[in-house]
Amino acid sequence: MSIVTITINNKQFQIACNDGQEELVQSAAVKLSENVDLIKRASPTASTELLLIMCALGLQDDNSNLRNKLSDKGWDDNEKLSETLSTIAGYLEELANKISR
């Protein structure tokens, strides 16, 4: 288990993650921080907690919209989606191995 320090709205937070996931957590934190910064421009006096809630609501809406679009295209079968994502992950892993050689 690793501890990663991230910064959101000029505040530092320590986040636990699985070993090897540190870069993923940092990358996600950068994107989250960018989203919070955009929301803060519209609500400059909002607390960090409120900014994070507003960001989470926006991300939840994006997630719902994406799920609806996938469902509209016949991707509502979670098993089918999971299988496809696993296949893509396998291809990406093979590509990464070839690049690293």
Protein backbone atom coordinates (compact mmCIF):
# COMPACT_ATOMS: atom_id res chain seq x y z
CA MET A 1 0.00 0.00 0.00
CA SER A 2 1.34 3.42 -0.97
CA ILE A 3 0.48 6.94 0.15
CA VAL A 4 0.24 9.65 -2.51
CA THR A 5 0.04 13.35 -1.70
CA ILE A 6 -2.24 15.29 -4.04
CA THR A 7 -3.16 18.97 -4.14
CA ILE A 8 -6.70 20.18 -4.77
CA ASN A 9 -7.67 23.84 -4.39
CA ASN A 10 -4.26 24.58 -2.84
CA LYS A 11 -4.85 21.97 -0.11
CA GLN A 12 -2.84 18.80 0.22
CA PHE A 13 -4.45 15.42 0.81
CA GLN A 14 -2.82 12.07 1.41
CA ILE A 15 -4.47 9.24 -0.49
CA ALA A 16 -3.78 5.53 0.01
CA CYS A 17 -3.54 3.40 -3.12
CA ASN A 18 -2.27 0.01 -4.21
CA ASP A 19 1.42 -0.25 -5.04
CA GLY A 20 1.96 0.62 -8.68
CA GLN A 21 -1.12 2.86 -8.86
CA GLU A 22 0.63 6.05 -7.71
CA GLU A 23 0.92 7.55 -11.19
CA LEU A 24 -2.73 6.80 -11.93
CA VAL A 25 -3.81 8.53 -8.71
CA GLN A 26 -1.61 11.55 -9.48
CA SER A 27 -3.00 11.79 -13.02
CA ALA A 28 -6.59 11.57 -11.77
CA ALA A 29 -5.82 14.21 -9.13
CA VAL A 30 -4.48 16.61 -11.75
CA LYS A 31 -7.67 16.24 -13.81
CA LEU A 32 -9.82 16.65 -10.70
CA SER A 33 -7.88 19.75 -9.71
CA GLU A 34 -8.42 21.23 -13.17
CA ASN A 35 -12.18 20.58 -12.89
CA VAL A 36 -12.28 22.15 -9.41
CA ASP A 37 -10.38 25.20 -10.72
CA LEU A 38 -12.97 25.68 -13.48
CA ILE A 39 -15.82 25.50 -10.99
CA LYS A 40 -13.99 27.85 -8.61
CA ARG A 41 -13.87 30.54 -11.29
CA ALA A 42 -17.68 30.56 -11.29
CA SER A 43 -17.93 30.28 -7.47
CA PRO A 44 -14.77 31.90 -6.05
CA THR A 45 -15.98 31.91 -2.44
CA ALA A 46 -17.05 28.25 -2.36
CA SER A 47 -15.29 26.01 0.16
CA THR A 48 -13.11 23.15 -0.99
CA GLU A 49 -15.79 20.73 0.17
CA LEU A 50 -18.49 22.45 -1.88
CA LEU A 51 -16.21 22.65 -4.92
CA LEU A 52 -15.55 18.90 -4.64
CA ILE A 53 -19.27 18.17 -4.29
CA MET A 54 -20.07 20.29 -7.33
CA CYS A 55 -17.28 18.57 -9.27
CA ALA A 56 -18.51 15.12 -8.19
CA LEU A 57 -22.04 15.99 -9.32
CA GLY A 58 -20.73 17.09 -12.71
CA LEU A 59 -18.68 13.90 -13.07
CA GLN A 60 -21.69 11.80 -12.06
CA ASP A 61 -23.75 13.54 -14.74
CA ASP A 62 -21.01 12.89 -17.31
CA ASN A 63 -20.91 9.24 -16.23
CA SER A 64 -24.70 8.91 -16.57
CA ASN A 65 -24.64 10.52 -20.01
CA LEU A 66 -21.86 8.18 -21.15
CA ARG A 67 -23.74 5.13 -19.85
CA ASN A 68 -26.88 6.29 -21.68
CA LYS A 69 -24.94 6.74 -24.91
CA LEU A 70 -23.38 3.29 -24.55
CA SER A 71 -26.80 1.82 -23.81
CA ASP A 72 -28.28 3.53 -26.88
CA LYS A 73 -25.57 1.87 -28.98
CA GLY A 74 -26.30 -1.56 -27.54
CA TRP A 75 -23.52 -1.55 -24.95
CA ASP A 76 -25.84 -2.03 -21.99
CA ASP A 77 -24.58 -5.56 -21.40
CA ASN A 78 -21.98 -5.10 -18.62
CA GLU A 79 -20.39 -8.46 -19.38
CA LYS A 80 -19.93 -7.53 -23.04
CA LEU A 81 -18.49 -4.14 -22.08
CA SER A 82 -16.18 -5.71 -19.50
CA GLU A 83 -14.94 -8.25 -22.04
CA THR A 84 -14.27 -5.54 -24.61
CA LEU A 85 -12.41 -3.37 -22.11
CA SER A 86 -10.33 -6.37 -21.02
CA THR A 87 -9.42 -7.05 -24.64
CA ILE A 88 -8.41 -3.43 -25.16
CA ALA A 89 -6.36 -3.51 -21.93
CA GLY A 90 -4.59 -6.62 -23.19
CA TYR A 91 -3.71 -4.92 -26.47
CA LEU A 92 -2.43 -1.86 -24.62
CA GLU A 93 -0.34 -4.02 -22.29
CA GLU A 94 1.22 -5.84 -25.27
CA LEU A 95 1.95 -2.51 -26.93
CA ALA A 96 3.52 -1.13 -23.75
CA ASN A 97 5.73 -4.22 -23.47
CA LYS A 98 6.88 -3.82 -27.08
CA ILE A 99 7.65 -0.13 -26.58
CA SER A 100 9.61 -0.74 -23.38
CA ARG A 101 11.96 -3.27 -25.07
